[in-house]
Amino acid sequence: MNPQSQLIPTSDHCSGMSRLRWCLVITTLGASFCTGCGDSGPTEAVQQARKALQMDDVQEAIDELIDEGDQTAEAHYLKAVALDRRNKQNVAREEIDVAIDLDPENVKYRGLRLRFDLFRQAQEGQVPQQVVEQLTELYESNPSSAAAAFFAFYAHQAQWMQRFAENKPDEANQHYKQAIEALQTAATLASEIPEFQREMLVFCIQFKLPDEARELMKKLKAVDPENPDLLQDEIAVLMLTNNAAEATPLARKYYERSNGSEETAAIYAKVLERLPPDRQRDDRLAELLKRYPKNQTVVSSVVNALIRSPATAERDKLFADLVAKFSDSVQVVSNYAIYLTRNDRFDQAIQTLTQEIDRRTLPEQRWPLVNVALSLTLEAGNTEVAEQLWKSYHNEIPEPTIAVYFEGRLLELQEQFARAIENYESVVDAEKRQPGKFTVMARDAQLRLQLLRDSKKPDPSKPAEPVKDTGPEPVAPVKPGKK
């Protein structure tokens, strides 16, 4: 489980003005809130302000509430939400305090106030355990409240990151699961909290909840189907649901609408990357690469598209040009070798990798290429080349456990199964001592141990990807930004 890729809305669906609105990253824990109990009926100003916040038009919401002079509890609550998005926390706290005074038992008002406390203490570098407990208790007491569920989502994130930092993976994983469950509940009840649907959508995309993201997108488009700010969110939802074909015309529209900005070019490239290989896809990727040759996302998308494509003369040339242009890029060189191997040019791949390794002097540049060379050779089951690479480069493997794993793979190729078992047992034990650090290798080693002990020779051509030598680290969640 990788917390890092889950908590922060990425540039795939949070950029430009959207990033200013949704992705004000703080070094702590972040959140937003939802509605629960209600007044006898919302005023017209409240209805219009809530709709504006649903579309993330913060200024319109503020203007609507101020112009009408609405002094209801709900109006003060919505002012607090809007002001918080404008990063005016002190004034926002004053507004929510007024709302609570007018309606002390309202779950969403109380929860919003707790969220403000959560942020304030987190910004001071503290994990506010008491506030976290109050938020989770609020949800336990109100399990059918979208507001309580959404706040519990953030509370469990705080617990998750704290336990992760304390190297307590089991407890961290439990809070991760509880965070996801709370987010799913909040999304199911999202009609209660339209002012937070877009924020919730961002997290459903980030946490890879396609059903919830799809339903939230429907709710937003039903309110304002022509809203241009929804286009990027819609693209992200389609990509989450593996619908690159439908996302492609939207991504091109988004790109053209911005007059071909670099930011939208990166989004468009990532969509094209997921399409089946054909000439039109290649031409469009080449067009983006020509316009933005130094953009890392565009370059990575072109590379990723190529390695999943059968070789053609045009693709060979495009990849060779990339290698020449980015000769110092370990990623480009490594993926070129993978492309060659997948297209039955193993010898050329290993020759390219060894040449690139030998012309570099820095260990941090040599080791990733050694990793790829060893992995591809073991996948190919080429004992002779694996022995040569091991002899030349095994001293450059930075982590003893990784060296033990690769040696086990080589011993397996050499049919020295008893020694291979010892190595694999050592890798599994290392993961138990340092949970999360050797997960990929330990999982593969455990499988091979089972096969060897069952006297079934395992397939030496696994795993398909170079191993990773470090585990994930948590990243702080986000708080909505100002418009």
Protein backbone atom coordinates (compact mmCIF):
# COMPACT_ATOMS: atom_id res chain seq x y z
CA MET A 1 0.00 0.00 0.00
CA ASN A 2 1.43 3.34 -1.01
CA PRO A 3 0.19 6.36 0.93
CA GLN A 4 2.32 8.69 -1.12
CA SER A 5 0.38 8.39 -4.30
CA GLN A 6 -3.01 8.56 -2.58
CA LEU A 7 -3.24 11.68 -0.48
CA ILE A 8 -2.46 14.62 -2.71
CA PRO A 9 -4.50 15.46 -5.79
CA THR A 10 -2.01 15.32 -8.63
CA SER A 11 -1.40 17.60 -11.57
CA ASP A 12 -3.34 15.11 -13.74
CA HIS A 13 -6.56 16.64 -12.50
CA CYS A 14 -5.51 19.61 -10.37
CA SER A 15 -3.71 22.33 -12.26
CA GLY A 16 -3.75 26.04 -13.02
CA MET A 17 -6.67 27.74 -11.35
CA SER A 18 -7.94 24.35 -10.18
CA ARG A 19 -4.73 23.83 -8.25
CA LEU A 20 -5.10 27.23 -6.63
CA ARG A 21 -8.62 26.33 -5.67
CA TRP A 22 -8.27 22.71 -4.62
CA CYS A 23 -4.65 21.91 -3.95
CA LEU A 24 -3.23 24.32 -1.37
CA VAL A 25 -0.78 21.76 -0.02
CA ILE A 26 0.08 22.13 3.64
CA THR A 27 2.63 20.14 5.53
CA THR A 28 -0.05 18.54 7.67
CA LEU A 29 -3.45 17.07 7.57
CA GLY A 30 -6.28 18.53 5.52
CA ALA A 31 -9.96 18.49 5.16
CA SER A 32 -13.31 19.94 4.50
CA PHE A 33 -16.85 19.49 5.61
CA CYS A 34 -20.44 18.69 4.91
CA THR A 35 -23.99 19.27 6.00
CA GLY A 36 -26.15 17.40 8.44
CA CYS A 37 -29.12 18.79 10.27
CA GLY A 38 -30.90 21.72 8.67
CA ASP A 39 -32.92 24.83 9.40
CA SER A 40 -36.60 25.09 8.56
CA GLY A 41 -35.56 25.90 5.04
CA PRO A 42 -32.60 27.56 3.29
CA THR A 43 -32.93 31.13 2.12
CA GLU A 44 -32.46 32.06 -1.52
CA ALA A 45 -29.04 33.52 -0.72
CA VAL A 46 -27.98 30.26 0.96
CA GLN A 47 -29.16 28.20 -2.01
CA GLN A 48 -27.27 30.36 -4.49
CA ALA A 49 -24.13 30.48 -2.34
CA ARG A 50 -24.14 26.70 -1.94
CA LYS A 51 -24.47 26.26 -5.71
CA ALA A 52 -21.58 28.67 -6.25
CA LEU A 53 -19.41 26.71 -3.82
CA GLN A 54 -20.43 23.49 -5.55
CA MET A 55 -18.87 24.92 -8.73
CA ASP A 56 -16.03 26.30 -6.59
CA ASP A 57 -16.93 29.92 -7.34
CA VAL A 58 -15.88 31.24 -3.96
CA GLN A 59 -16.24 34.95 -4.66
CA GLU A 60 -19.75 34.56 -6.03
CA ALA A 61 -20.73 32.69 -2.87
CA ILE A 62 -19.32 35.42 -0.63
CA ASP A 63 -20.96 38.18 -2.68
CA GLU A 64 -24.32 36.41 -2.59
CA LEU A 65 -24.30 36.08 1.18
CA ILE A 66 -23.02 39.60 1.86
CA ASP A 67 -25.31 41.34 -0.64
CA GLU A 68 -28.39 39.70 0.81
CA GLY A 69 -27.32 40.27 4.39
CA ASP A 70 -28.34 36.75 5.33
CA GLN A 71 -27.74 36.14 9.05
CA THR A 72 -29.02 32.56 9.33
CA ALA A 73 -26.84 29.84 10.82
CA GLU A 74 -26.44 28.23 7.41
CA ALA A 75 -25.31 31.52 5.89
CA HIS A 76 -22.59 31.91 8.53
CA TYR A 77 -21.53 28.31 7.94
CA LEU A 78 -21.20 28.84 4.18
CA LYS A 79 -19.29 32.06 4.78
CA ALA A 80 -16.88 30.06 6.94
CA VAL A 81 -16.43 27.49 4.17
CA ALA A 82 -15.81 30.19 1.56
CA LEU A 83 -13.44 32.22 3.73
CA ASP A 84 -11.46 29.13 4.62
CA ARG A 85 -10.97 28.42 0.93
CA ARG A 86 -9.66 31.96 0.66
CA ASN A 87 -7.14 31.05 3.36
CA LYS A 88 -8.73 33.47 5.84
CA GLN A 89 -8.94 31.04 8.73
CA ASN A 90 -9.35 33.53 11.57
CA VAL A 91 -12.42 35.15 10.04
CA ALA A 92 -13.73 31.72 9.01
CA ARG A 93 -13.54 30.57 12.63
CA GLU A 94 -15.52 33.61 13.73
CA GLU A 95 -18.25 32.78 11.22
CA ILE A 96 -18.55 29.13 12.22
CA ASP A 97 -18.66 30.11 15.89
CA VAL A 98 -21.69 32.29 15.13
CA ALA A 99 -23.33 29.39 13.30
CA ILE A 100 -22.76 27.11 16.30
CA ASP A 101 -24.18 29.70 18.67
CA LEU A 102 -27.34 29.78 16.53
CA ASP A 103 -27.57 25.98 16.16
CA PRO A 104 -25.39 24.26 18.80
CA GLU A 105 -26.40 20.69 17.93
CA ASN A 106 -25.74 20.90 14.20
CA VAL A 107 -23.29 18.14 13.29
CA LYS A 108 -21.75 19.85 10.30
CA TYR A 109 -21.12 23.11 12.17
CA ARG A 110 -19.44 21.34 15.04
CA GLY A 111 -17.41 19.26 12.65
CA LEU A 112 -16.27 22.27 10.65
CA ARG A 113 -15.06 23.93 13.83
CA LEU A 114 -13.12 20.79 14.71
CA ARG A 115 -11.58 20.80 11.27
CA PHE A 116 -10.34 24.33 11.82
CA ASP A 117 -8.77 23.14 15.08
CA LEU A 118 -7.21 20.22 13.24
CA PHE A 119 -5.57 22.53 10.72
CA ARG A 120 -4.39 25.09 13.21
CA GLN A 121 -2.59 22.55 15.38
CA ALA A 122 -1.26 20.65 12.39
CA GLN A 123 0.28 23.85 11.02
CA GLU A 124 2.15 24.08 14.30
CA GLY A 125 3.61 20.63 13.67
CA GLN A 126 1.38 18.79 16.10
CA VAL A 127 -0.90 15.81 15.63
CA PRO A 128 -3.98 16.96 17.53
CA GLN A 129 -4.99 13.63 19.00
CA GLN A 130 -7.90 15.05 20.99
CA VAL A 131 -9.37 16.69 17.89
CA VAL A 132 -8.87 13.52 15.87
CA GLU A 133 -10.75 11.54 18.50
CA GLN A 134 -13.56 14.08 18.58
CA LEU A 135 -13.95 13.86 14.80
CA THR A 136 -14.08 10.07 14.83
CA GLU A 137 -16.54 10.10 17.72
CA LEU A 138 -18.71 12.55 15.80
CA TYR A 139 -18.93 10.03 12.96
CA GLU A 140 -19.59 7.11 15.27
CA SER A 141 -22.49 9.04 16.78
CA ASN A 142 -23.79 10.11 13.35
CA PRO A 143 -22.99 7.26 10.92
CA SER A 144 -25.54 8.41 8.34
CA SER A 145 -24.22 11.97 8.18
CA ALA A 146 -22.19 12.94 5.14
CA ALA A 147 -20.59 15.67 7.21
CA ALA A 148 -19.47 13.34 9.97
CA ALA A 149 -18.20 10.80 7.44
CA PHE A 150 -16.16 13.34 5.50
CA PHE A 151 -14.51 14.66 8.65
CA ALA A 152 -13.77 11.14 9.84
CA PHE A 153 -11.97 10.60 6.54
CA TYR A 154 -9.49 13.34 7.49
CA ALA A 155 -9.22 12.20 11.08
CA HIS A 156 -8.22 8.72 9.96
CA GLN A 157 -5.68 10.21 7.55
CA ALA A 158 -4.07 11.92 10.53
CA GLN A 159 -3.97 8.64 12.41
CA TRP A 160 -2.68 6.80 9.36
CA MET A 161 0.27 9.14 8.88
CA GLN A 162 1.11 9.20 12.55
CA ARG A 163 1.17 5.42 12.79
CA PHE A 164 3.19 5.18 9.59
CA ALA A 165 5.77 7.60 10.97
CA GLU A 166 5.92 5.50 14.13
CA ASN A 167 6.64 2.40 12.02
CA LYS A 168 3.38 0.73 13.02
CA PRO A 169 2.22 -0.58 9.62
CA ASP A 170 -0.67 -2.71 10.88
CA GLU A 171 -2.26 0.18 12.74
CA ALA A 172 -1.51 2.53 9.82
CA ASN A 173 -3.22 0.19 7.38
CA GLN A 174 -6.27 -0.06 9.61
CA HIS A 175 -6.67 3.71 9.66
CA TYR A 176 -6.13 3.80 5.90
CA LYS A 177 -9.02 1.38 5.42
CA GLN A 178 -11.19 3.40 7.78
CA ALA A 179 -10.36 6.58 5.87
CA ILE A 180 -11.44 4.96 2.61
CA GLU A 181 -14.66 3.64 4.14
CA ALA A 182 -15.50 7.09 5.51
CA LEU A 183 -14.81 8.70 2.14
CA GLN A 184 -17.04 6.18 0.40
CA THR A 185 -19.84 6.87 2.87
CA ALA A 186 -19.49 10.62 2.39
CA ALA A 187 -19.54 10.21 -1.39
CA THR A 188 -22.68 8.09 -1.21
CA LEU A 189 -24.38 10.83 0.80
CA ALA A 190 -22.84 13.65 -1.22
CA SER A 191 -26.20 15.22 -2.09
CA GLU A 192 -26.26 16.52 1.49
CA ILE A 193 -23.07 18.50 0.92
CA PRO A 194 -22.99 19.93 -2.61
CA GLU A 195 -20.58 22.64 -1.48
CA PHE A 196 -17.94 19.93 -1.02
CA GLN A 197 -18.63 17.66 -3.99
CA ARG A 198 -15.72 18.85 -6.11
CA GLU A 199 -13.29 18.53 -3.26
CA MET A 200 -14.64 15.07 -2.55
CA LEU A 201 -14.31 14.21 -6.23
CA VAL A 202 -10.61 15.07 -6.16
CA PHE A 203 -10.03 12.62 -3.33
CA CYS A 204 -12.16 9.88 -4.90
CA ILE A 205 -9.97 10.16 -7.98
CA GLN A 206 -6.80 10.20 -5.91
CA PHE A 207 -7.85 7.20 -3.83
CA LYS A 208 -8.99 5.38 -6.97
CA LEU A 209 -12.69 5.04 -6.19
CA PRO A 210 -14.15 4.94 -9.72
CA ASP A 211 -17.80 4.32 -8.83
CA GLU A 212 -17.93 7.17 -6.35
CA ALA A 213 -16.02 9.50 -8.68
CA ARG A 214 -18.38 8.72 -11.55
CA GLU A 215 -21.47 9.49 -9.47
CA LEU A 216 -20.02 12.73 -8.16
CA MET A 217 -19.19 13.79 -11.70
CA LYS A 218 -22.80 13.16 -12.72
CA LYS A 219 -24.08 15.34 -9.88
CA LEU A 220 -21.79 18.21 -10.84
CA LYS A 221 -22.58 18.06 -14.55
CA ALA A 222 -26.29 17.96 -13.81
CA VAL A 223 -25.97 21.37 -12.16
CA ASP A 224 -23.82 23.04 -14.84
CA PRO A 225 -23.05 20.76 -17.80
CA GLU A 226 -21.24 23.48 -19.75
CA ASN A 227 -18.98 24.59 -16.93
CA PRO A 228 -15.48 24.65 -18.46
CA ASP A 229 -13.85 24.09 -15.08
CA LEU A 230 -15.39 20.61 -14.93
CA LEU A 231 -13.62 19.44 -18.07
CA GLN A 232 -10.38 18.49 -16.39
CA ASP A 233 -12.23 16.66 -13.63
CA GLU A 234 -14.22 14.75 -16.23
CA ILE A 235 -11.03 13.71 -18.02
CA ALA A 236 -9.59 12.45 -14.73
CA VAL A 237 -12.73 10.41 -13.98
CA LEU A 238 -12.66 8.82 -17.43
CA MET A 239 -9.01 7.91 -17.00
CA LEU A 240 -9.76 6.44 -13.58
CA THR A 241 -12.40 4.23 -15.19
CA ASN A 242 -9.96 3.15 -17.93
CA ASN A 243 -11.82 4.99 -20.64
CA ALA A 244 -8.96 6.68 -22.46
CA ALA A 245 -10.80 6.54 -25.79
CA GLU A 246 -13.63 8.72 -24.45
CA ALA A 247 -11.21 10.96 -22.57
CA THR A 248 -9.09 11.66 -25.66
CA PRO A 249 -11.41 14.12 -27.46
CA LEU A 250 -12.03 15.93 -24.17
CA ALA A 251 -8.30 16.17 -23.50
CA ARG A 252 -7.69 17.53 -26.99
CA LYS A 253 -10.52 20.05 -26.49
CA TYR A 254 -8.98 21.08 -23.19
CA TYR A 255 -5.58 21.47 -24.86
CA GLU A 256 -6.94 23.51 -27.77
CA ARG A 257 -9.10 25.68 -25.54
CA SER A 258 -5.97 26.76 -23.67
CA ASN A 259 -4.21 27.56 -26.97
CA GLY A 260 -1.93 24.60 -26.43
CA SER A 261 -0.57 25.49 -23.00
CA GLU A 262 2.21 23.37 -21.57
CA GLU A 263 0.06 22.35 -18.62
CA THR A 264 -2.78 21.03 -20.77
CA ALA A 265 -0.28 19.44 -23.15
CA ALA A 266 0.95 17.31 -20.25
CA ILE A 267 -2.61 16.20 -19.47
CA TYR A 268 -3.29 15.43 -23.12
CA ALA A 269 -0.07 13.42 -23.39
CA LYS A 270 -0.98 11.27 -20.39
CA VAL A 271 -4.33 10.45 -21.97
CA LEU A 272 -2.74 9.58 -25.31
CA GLU A 273 -0.25 7.37 -23.50
CA ARG A 274 -3.09 5.05 -22.48
CA LEU A 275 -4.48 4.57 -26.00
CA PRO A 276 -3.78 1.44 -28.05
CA PRO A 277 -0.82 2.01 -30.37
CA ASP A 278 -1.60 3.41 -33.80
CA ARG A 279 -0.20 5.99 -36.18
CA GLN A 280 -2.55 8.79 -35.11
CA ARG A 281 -1.63 8.38 -31.44
CA ASP A 282 2.07 8.40 -32.30
CA ASP A 283 1.72 11.51 -34.46
CA ARG A 284 -0.10 13.42 -31.72
CA LEU A 285 2.47 12.44 -29.12
CA ALA A 286 5.25 13.48 -31.49
CA GLU A 287 3.46 16.81 -31.99
CA LEU A 288 3.34 17.44 -28.24
CA LEU A 289 6.97 16.39 -27.83
CA LYS A 290 8.04 18.75 -30.60
CA ARG A 291 6.24 21.66 -28.95
CA TYR A 292 7.37 20.89 -25.40
CA PRO A 293 10.57 18.83 -25.70
CA LYS A 294 11.71 19.58 -22.14
CA ASN A 295 8.45 18.86 -20.36
CA GLN A 296 9.03 15.82 -18.16
CA THR A 297 5.42 14.64 -18.26
CA VAL A 298 5.26 14.82 -22.04
CA VAL A 299 8.58 12.99 -22.40
CA SER A 300 7.54 10.32 -19.89
CA SER A 301 4.21 9.81 -21.66
CA VAL A 302 5.91 9.35 -25.02
CA VAL A 303 8.37 6.87 -23.49
CA ASN A 304 5.63 4.94 -21.68
CA ALA A 305 3.54 4.74 -24.84
CA LEU A 306 6.49 3.47 -26.86
CA ILE A 307 7.50 0.68 -24.48
CA ARG A 308 3.98 -0.74 -24.71
CA SER A 309 3.99 -0.68 -28.49
CA PRO A 310 5.29 -3.11 -31.10
CA ALA A 311 8.39 -1.89 -32.85
CA THR A 312 8.16 0.01 -36.12
CA ALA A 313 10.76 1.99 -38.00
CA GLU A 314 9.08 5.24 -36.93
CA ARG A 315 8.98 4.21 -33.25
CA ASP A 316 12.57 3.05 -33.38
CA LYS A 317 13.60 6.44 -34.71
CA LEU A 318 11.51 8.36 -32.19
CA PHE A 319 12.96 6.39 -29.29
CA ALA A 320 16.51 6.67 -30.61
CA ASP A 321 16.06 10.44 -30.94
CA LEU A 322 14.83 10.60 -27.35
CA VAL A 323 17.84 8.66 -26.11
CA ALA A 324 20.18 10.97 -28.01
CA LYS A 325 18.43 14.08 -26.71
CA PHE A 326 18.14 12.82 -23.12
CA SER A 327 21.31 10.78 -22.90
CA ASP A 328 21.71 11.70 -19.24
CA SER A 329 18.21 10.51 -18.35
CA VAL A 330 18.27 7.16 -16.59
CA GLN A 331 14.53 6.80 -17.17
CA VAL A 332 14.74 7.25 -20.93
CA VAL A 333 17.70 4.90 -21.32
CA SER A 334 16.14 2.26 -19.06
CA ASN A 335 12.86 2.30 -20.92
CA TYR A 336 14.62 2.15 -24.25
CA ALA A 337 16.26 -1.07 -23.08
CA ILE A 338 12.86 -2.42 -22.02
CA TYR A 339 11.43 -1.48 -25.43
CA LEU A 340 14.26 -3.31 -27.19
CA THR A 341 13.86 -6.41 -25.02
CA ARG A 342 10.12 -6.58 -25.55
CA ASN A 343 10.73 -6.40 -29.27
CA ASP A 344 13.16 -9.33 -29.29
CA ARG A 345 16.37 -7.30 -29.22
CA PHE A 346 17.73 -8.43 -25.89
CA ASP A 347 21.39 -8.32 -26.91
CA GLN A 348 21.06 -4.72 -28.10
CA ALA A 349 19.27 -3.79 -24.88
CA ILE A 350 22.02 -5.19 -22.64
CA GLN A 351 24.72 -3.64 -24.80
CA THR A 352 23.00 -0.24 -24.51
CA LEU A 353 22.65 -0.56 -20.75
CA THR A 354 26.24 -1.65 -20.11
CA GLN A 355 27.57 1.18 -22.26
CA GLU A 356 25.45 3.67 -20.36
CA ILE A 357 26.54 2.22 -17.01
CA ASP A 358 30.21 2.35 -17.91
CA ARG A 359 30.12 5.95 -19.09
CA ARG A 360 28.65 7.11 -15.79
CA THR A 361 30.58 7.56 -12.57
CA LEU A 362 27.97 8.52 -9.97
CA PRO A 363 26.55 5.54 -8.03
CA GLU A 364 23.04 7.05 -8.02
CA GLN A 365 23.11 7.03 -11.84
CA ARG A 366 24.78 3.65 -12.27
CA TRP A 367 22.65 1.59 -9.87
CA PRO A 368 19.25 2.14 -11.54
CA LEU A 369 20.72 0.97 -14.85
CA VAL A 370 22.34 -2.03 -13.17
CA ASN A 371 18.96 -2.83 -11.63
CA VAL A 372 17.27 -2.80 -15.04
CA ALA A 373 20.04 -4.82 -16.69
CA LEU A 374 19.91 -7.54 -14.04
CA SER A 375 16.11 -7.63 -14.04
CA LEU A 376 15.81 -7.90 -17.82
CA THR A 377 18.48 -10.60 -17.97
CA LEU A 378 16.85 -12.68 -15.26
CA GLU A 379 13.48 -12.27 -16.95
CA ALA A 380 15.03 -13.54 -20.16
CA GLY A 381 16.49 -16.54 -18.31
CA ASN A 382 19.93 -15.89 -19.81
CA THR A 383 22.28 -17.51 -17.31
CA GLU A 384 25.50 -16.60 -19.09
CA VAL A 385 24.75 -12.89 -19.32
CA ALA A 386 23.34 -12.86 -15.77
CA GLU A 387 26.61 -14.33 -14.48
CA GLN A 388 28.62 -11.70 -16.35
CA LEU A 389 26.52 -8.84 -15.05
CA TRP A 390 26.63 -10.18 -11.49
CA LYS A 391 30.39 -10.46 -11.62
CA SER A 392 30.79 -6.94 -13.00
CA TYR A 393 28.26 -5.03 -10.94
CA HIS A 394 27.15 -6.90 -7.80
CA ASN A 395 29.33 -4.69 -5.60
CA GLU A 396 27.35 -1.66 -6.77
CA ILE A 397 24.03 -2.86 -5.37
CA PRO A 398 23.40 -0.36 -2.56
CA GLU A 399 21.38 -2.57 -0.21
CA PRO A 400 22.57 -6.01 1.00
CA THR A 401 19.06 -7.47 0.94
CA ILE A 402 18.64 -6.49 -2.71
CA ALA A 403 21.96 -8.17 -3.50
CA VAL A 404 20.79 -11.31 -1.70
CA TYR A 405 17.58 -11.31 -3.72
CA PHE A 406 19.33 -10.94 -7.07
CA GLU A 407 21.87 -13.61 -6.11
CA GLY A 408 18.97 -15.91 -5.26
CA ARG A 409 17.50 -15.35 -8.70
CA LEU A 410 20.86 -16.16 -10.29
CA LEU A 411 21.27 -19.29 -8.14
CA GLU A 412 17.83 -20.36 -9.27
CA LEU A 413 18.88 -20.01 -12.92
CA GLN A 414 21.96 -22.08 -12.12
CA GLU A 415 19.66 -24.69 -10.53
CA GLN A 416 21.35 -24.32 -7.15
CA PHE A 417 17.97 -24.50 -5.47
CA ALA A 418 19.09 -25.14 -1.87
CA ARG A 419 21.18 -21.97 -1.85
CA ALA A 420 18.43 -20.04 -3.61
CA ILE A 421 16.03 -21.03 -0.84
CA GLU A 422 18.42 -19.64 1.78
CA ASN A 423 18.59 -16.32 -0.06
CA TYR A 424 14.85 -16.05 -0.43
CA GLU A 425 14.31 -16.83 3.25
CA SER A 426 16.74 -14.05 4.10
CA VAL A 427 14.76 -11.57 1.95
CA VAL A 428 11.47 -12.55 3.60
CA ASP A 429 13.03 -12.15 7.06
CA ALA A 430 14.38 -8.71 6.11
CA GLU A 431 10.88 -7.55 5.18
CA LYS A 432 9.56 -8.78 8.54
CA ARG A 433 12.24 -6.77 10.34
CA GLN A 434 11.59 -3.63 8.28
CA PRO A 435 7.98 -3.75 7.06
CA GLY A 436 7.40 -1.97 3.78
CA LYS A 437 11.03 -1.70 2.73
CA PHE A 438 11.36 -4.88 0.65
CA THR A 439 7.71 -5.64 -0.07
CA VAL A 440 8.06 -6.35 -3.79
CA MET A 441 11.08 -8.62 -3.41
CA ALA A 442 9.71 -10.36 -0.33
CA ARG A 443 6.43 -11.16 -2.06
CA ASP A 444 8.26 -12.65 -5.03
CA ALA A 445 10.72 -14.49 -2.79
CA GLN A 446 7.86 -15.99 -0.78
CA LEU A 447 6.20 -17.28 -3.93
CA ARG A 448 9.44 -18.83 -5.14
CA LEU A 449 10.01 -20.45 -1.77
CA GLN A 450 6.63 -22.12 -1.95
CA LEU A 451 7.28 -23.39 -5.47
CA LEU A 452 10.75 -24.68 -4.61
CA ARG A 453 9.51 -26.40 -1.48
CA ASP A 454 6.79 -28.03 -3.52
CA SER A 455 9.56 -29.28 -5.84
CA LYS A 456 8.18 -27.22 -8.68
CA LYS A 457 10.82 -25.25 -10.46
CA PRO A 458 9.61 -21.62 -10.51
CA ASP A 459 9.67 -19.52 -13.61
CA PRO A 460 12.89 -17.49 -13.38
CA SER A 461 11.45 -14.79 -15.66
CA LYS A 462 9.58 -13.00 -12.86
CA PRO A 463 8.97 -10.35 -11.64
CA ALA A 464 8.36 -8.34 -14.76
CA GLU A 465 9.53 -5.04 -13.27
CA PRO A 466 12.84 -3.99 -11.71
CA VAL A 467 12.65 -4.28 -7.95
CA LYS A 468 12.28 -1.30 -5.67
CA ASP A 469 14.55 -0.91 -2.70
CA THR A 470 12.56 1.54 -0.58
CA GLY A 471 9.10 1.51 0.89
CA PRO A 472 6.53 4.27 0.68
CA GLU A 473 6.45 7.34 2.87
CA PRO A 474 3.28 9.20 3.76
CA VAL A 475 2.56 12.61 2.36
CA ALA A 476 0.39 15.19 4.05
CA PRO A 477 -3.12 15.56 2.69
CA VAL A 478 -4.34 18.80 1.31
CA LYS A 479 -6.67 21.50 2.32
CA PRO A 480 -8.80 23.33 -0.26
CA GLY A 481 -7.09 26.35 -1.69
CA LYS A 482 -8.49 29.73 -2.35
CA LYS A 483 -10.06 30.66 -5.63
